[in-house]
C-alpha atoms as a PDB file:
ATOM      1  CA  MET A   1      11.794  -9.616   6.681  1.00  0.00           C
ATOM      2  CA  HIS A   2      11.986  -6.233   4.984  1.00  0.00           C
ATOM      3  CA  PRO A   3       9.114  -3.751   5.254  1.00  0.00           C
ATOM      4  CA  THR A   4       6.831  -4.603   2.343  1.00  0.00           C
ATOM      5  CA  LEU A   5       4.080  -2.713   0.556  1.00  0.00           C
ATOM      6  CA  ILE A   6       1.755  -5.287  -0.978  1.00  0.00           C
ATOM      7  CA  TYR A   7      -0.635  -4.153  -3.703  1.00  0.00           C
ATOM      8  CA  ASP A   8      -2.807  -5.437  -6.549  1.00  0.00           C
ATOM      9  CA  GLY A   9      -0.462  -5.972  -9.485  1.00  0.00           C
ATOM     10  CA  GLU A  10      -3.344  -6.352 -11.924  1.00  0.00           C
ATOM     11  CA  CYS A  11      -4.460  -2.776 -11.254  1.00  0.00           C
ATOM     12  CA  GLY A  12      -2.644  -0.115 -13.257  1.00  0.00           C
ATOM     13  CA  PHE A  13      -3.446   2.612 -10.726  1.00  0.00           C
ATOM     14  CA  CYS A  14      -2.136   0.509  -7.827  1.00  0.00           C
ATOM     15  CA  THR A  15       1.008  -0.422  -9.754  1.00  0.00           C
ATOM     16  CA  THR A  16       1.665   3.213 -10.703  1.00  0.00           C
ATOM     17  CA  SER A  17       1.089   4.372  -7.119  1.00  0.00           C
ATOM     18  CA  ALA A  18       3.357   1.687  -5.636  1.00  0.00           C
ATOM     19  CA  ALA A  19       6.117   2.542  -8.130  1.00  0.00           C
ATOM     20  CA  TRP A  20       5.761   6.238  -7.315  1.00  0.00           C
ATOM     21  CA  VAL A  21       6.121   5.791  -3.558  1.00  0.00           C
ATOM     22  CA  SER A  22       8.880   3.171  -3.782  1.00  0.00           C
ATOM     23  CA  LYS A  23      11.034   5.565  -5.855  1.00  0.00           C
ATOM     24  CA  ARG A  24      10.971   7.912  -2.864  1.00  0.00           C
ATOM     25  CA  TRP A  25      12.228   5.376  -0.317  1.00  0.00           C
ATOM     26  CA  PRO A  26      15.873   5.783   0.727  1.00  0.00           C
ATOM     27  CA  GLU A  27      18.172   3.355  -1.058  1.00  0.00           C
ATOM     28  CA  GLY A  28      19.497   0.550   1.068  1.00  0.00           C
ATOM     29  CA  GLU A  29      16.656   0.725   3.610  1.00  0.00           C
ATOM     30  CA  GLY A  30      15.294  -2.595   2.390  1.00  0.00           C
ATOM     31  CA  ALA A  31      11.652  -1.604   1.897  1.00  0.00           C
ATOM     32  CA  ARG A  32      10.049  -3.164  -1.140  1.00  0.00           C
ATOM     33  CA  ALA A  33       6.802  -2.904  -3.071  1.00  0.00           C
ATOM     34  CA  VAL A  34       5.446  -6.209  -4.367  1.00  0.00           C
ATOM     35  CA  PRO A  35       2.229  -7.180  -6.143  1.00  0.00           C
ATOM     36  CA  TRP A  36       0.473  -9.820  -4.079  1.00  0.00           C
ATOM     37  CA  GLN A  37       0.275 -11.966  -7.194  1.00  0.00           C
ATOM     38  CA  HIS A  38       4.095 -12.283  -7.149  1.00  0.00           C
ATOM     39  CA  LEU A  39       4.375 -13.505  -3.558  1.00  0.00           C
ATOM     40  CA  SER A  40       4.955 -17.192  -2.949  1.00  0.00           C
ATOM     41  CA  ASN A  41       2.683 -19.213  -0.720  1.00  0.00           C
ATOM     42  CA  ASP A  42       5.513 -19.414   1.815  1.00  0.00           C
ATOM     43  CA  GLU A  43       5.817 -15.605   1.880  1.00  0.00           C
ATOM     44  CA  LEU A  44       2.060 -15.216   2.270  1.00  0.00           C
ATOM     45  CA  ASP A  45       2.043 -17.775   5.080  1.00  0.00           C
ATOM     46  CA  ALA A  46       4.892 -15.954   6.835  1.00  0.00           C
ATOM     47  CA  MET A  47       2.936 -12.703   6.554  1.00  0.00           C
ATOM     48  CA  ALA A  48      -0.281 -14.419   7.691  1.00  0.00           C
ATOM     49  CA  LEU A  49      -2.258 -12.902   4.811  1.00  0.00           C
ATOM     50  CA  GLY A  50      -4.790 -14.714   2.695  1.00  0.00           C
ATOM     51  CA  PRO A  51      -6.497 -14.036  -0.629  1.00  0.00           C
ATOM     52  CA  ASP A  52      -9.469 -12.256   0.949  1.00  0.00           C
ATOM     53  CA  GLU A  53      -7.279  -9.740   2.771  1.00  0.00           C
ATOM     54  CA  LEU A  54      -5.063  -9.195  -0.265  1.00  0.00           C
ATOM     55  CA  ALA A  55      -8.002  -8.623  -2.608  1.00  0.00           C
ATOM     56  CA  ARG A  56      -9.548  -6.153  -0.156  1.00  0.00           C
ATOM     57  CA  ALA A  57      -6.756  -3.594   0.211  1.00  0.00           C
ATOM     58  CA  ALA A  58      -3.088  -2.699   0.035  1.00  0.00           C
ATOM     59  CA  TRP A  59      -0.963  -3.847   2.981  1.00  0.00           C
ATOM     60  CA  TRP A  60       2.196  -2.644   4.735  1.00  0.00           C
ATOM     61  CA  VAL A  61       3.912  -5.520   6.523  1.00  0.00           C
ATOM     62  CA  GLU A  62       6.825  -4.745   8.806  1.00  0.00           C
ATOM     63  CA  GLY A  63       7.753  -7.459  11.273  1.00  0.00           C
ATOM     64  CA  ASP A  64       4.617  -8.279  13.249  1.00  0.00           C
ATOM     65  CA  ARG A  65       2.892  -5.059  12.119  1.00  0.00           C
ATOM     66  CA  HIS A  66       0.208  -5.450   9.458  1.00  0.00           C
ATOM     67  CA  ASP A  67      -1.374  -2.194   8.297  1.00  0.00           C
ATOM     68  CA  GLU A  68      -4.225  -2.266   5.807  1.00  0.00           C
ATOM     69  CA  GLY A  69      -5.607   0.300   3.360  1.00  0.00           C
ATOM     70  CA  ALA A  70      -5.117   3.920   4.400  1.00  0.00           C
ATOM     71  CA  ARG A  71      -2.708   2.943   7.184  1.00  0.00           C
ATOM     72  CA  ALA A  72      -0.618   0.988   4.661  1.00  0.00           C
ATOM     73  CA  VAL A  73      -0.433   4.075   2.455  1.00  0.00           C
ATOM     74  CA  ALA A  74       0.534   6.200   5.456  1.00  0.00           C
ATOM     75  CA  ARG A  75       3.308   3.761   6.452  1.00  0.00           C
ATOM     76  CA  ALA A  76       4.621   3.637   2.881  1.00  0.00           C
ATOM     77  CA  LEU A  77       4.750   7.455   2.808  1.00  0.00           C
ATOM     78  CA  LEU A  78       6.341   7.540   6.262  1.00  0.00           C
ATOM     79  CA  ALA A  79       9.166   5.356   4.887  1.00  0.00           C
ATOM     80  CA  THR A  80      10.060   8.092   2.369  1.00  0.00           C
ATOM     81  CA  GLU A  81      12.289  11.066   3.003  1.00  0.00           C
ATOM     82  CA  GLY A  82      11.228  14.691   3.051  1.00  0.00           C
ATOM     83  CA  PRO A  83       7.722  16.098   2.782  1.00  0.00           C
ATOM     84  CA  TRP A  84       6.020  12.811   1.896  1.00  0.00           C
ATOM     85  CA  ALA A  85       7.134  11.342   5.223  1.00  0.00           C
ATOM     86  CA  ILE A  86       5.383  14.269   6.924  1.00  0.00           C
ATOM     87  CA  VAL A  87       2.210  13.485   4.959  1.00  0.00           C
ATOM     88  CA  GLY A  88       2.469   9.863   6.108  1.00  0.00           C
ATOM     89  CA  LYS A  89       2.821  10.954   9.747  1.00  0.00           C
ATOM     90  CA  LEU A  90      -0.160  13.302   9.446  1.00  0.00           C
ATOM     91  CA  LEU A  91      -2.307  10.481   8.038  1.00  0.00           C
ATOM     92  CA  LEU A  92      -1.659   8.547  11.254  1.00  0.00           C
ATOM     93  CA  LEU A  93      -2.794  11.378  13.545  1.00  0.00           C
ATOM     94  CA  PRO A  94      -6.321  12.485  14.480  1.00  0.00           C
ATOM     95  CA  PRO A  95      -8.442  13.668  12.774  1.00  0.00           C
ATOM     96  CA  LEU A  96      -6.882  12.418   9.512  1.00  0.00           C
ATOM     97  CA  VAL A  97      -6.512   8.869  10.833  1.00  0.00           C
ATOM     98  CA  TRP A  98     -10.313   8.802  11.149  1.00  0.00           C
ATOM     99  CA  LEU A  99     -10.953  10.306   7.690  1.00  0.00           C
ATOM    100  CA  ALA A 100      -8.252   8.487   5.698  1.00  0.00           C
ATOM    101  CA  PRO A 101     -10.053   5.096   5.597  1.00  0.00           C
ATOM    102  CA  TRP A 102     -13.055   6.780   3.993  1.00  0.00           C
ATOM    103  CA  GLY A 103     -10.772   8.432   1.408  1.00  0.00           C
ATOM    104  CA  TYR A 104      -9.042   5.115   0.759  1.00  0.00           C
ATOM    105  CA  ARG A 105     -12.377   3.400   0.096  1.00  0.00           C
ATOM    106  CA  VAL A 106     -13.418   6.151  -2.336  1.00  0.00           C
ATOM    107  CA  VAL A 107     -10.129   5.899  -4.244  1.00  0.00           C
ATOM    108  CA  ALA A 108     -10.339   2.079  -4.276  1.00  0.00           C
ATOM    109  CA  ARG A 109     -13.881   2.163  -5.583  1.00  0.00           C
ATOM    110  CA  PHE A 110     -13.048   4.528  -8.449  1.00  0.00           C
ATOM    111  CA  ARG A 111      -9.448   3.509  -9.124  1.00  0.00           C
ATOM    112  CA  HIS A 112     -10.355   2.377 -12.639  1.00  0.00           C
ATOM    113  CA  ARG A 113     -11.167   6.024 -13.458  1.00  0.00           C
ATOM    114  CA  LEU A 114      -7.966   7.485 -12.017  1.00  0.00           C
ATOM    115  CA  PRO A 115      -4.714   8.103 -13.933  1.00  0.00           C
ATOM    116  CA  GLY A 116      -3.129   4.753 -14.733  1.00  0.00           C
ATOM    117  CA  GLY A 117      -6.400   2.958 -14.069  1.00  0.00           C
ATOM    118  CA  THR A 118      -7.576   0.210 -16.408  1.00  0.00           C
ATOM    119  CA  PRO A 119     -10.712  -1.939 -16.626  1.00  0.00           C
ATOM    120  CA  ALA A 120      -8.798  -4.550 -14.564  1.00  0.00           C
ATOM    121  CA  CYS A 121      -8.805  -2.042 -11.687  1.00  0.00           C
ATOM    122  CA  LYS A 122     -12.574  -2.139 -11.374  1.00  0.00           C
ATOM    123  CA  LEU A 123     -13.672  -3.851  -8.161  1.00  0.00           C
END
């Protein structure tokens, strides 16, 4: 299975963010960004993710690795080329790895107020 960024497709901010990062992935690498609403039950079963996990945060699934929230964002950035890959690596190192989940929760809470956000983004 290809590395997959899973996000909330009903949220404009999440959709915009996933499109932004996926445009920076090298072509032919096989990574994909998919709204969880577009995944089949078989795909969800294979990824061992349920509705509660999917509603809670974005996910990066790569083989047996399942990264949630800030770690998913870091992995998606790490899959890019150039300076954004460096940002992804930094987000996985102390002290940012400890602070990033807090930042993720703040962004998730106020995503309806961010560029691209819509009322559907409100938690």
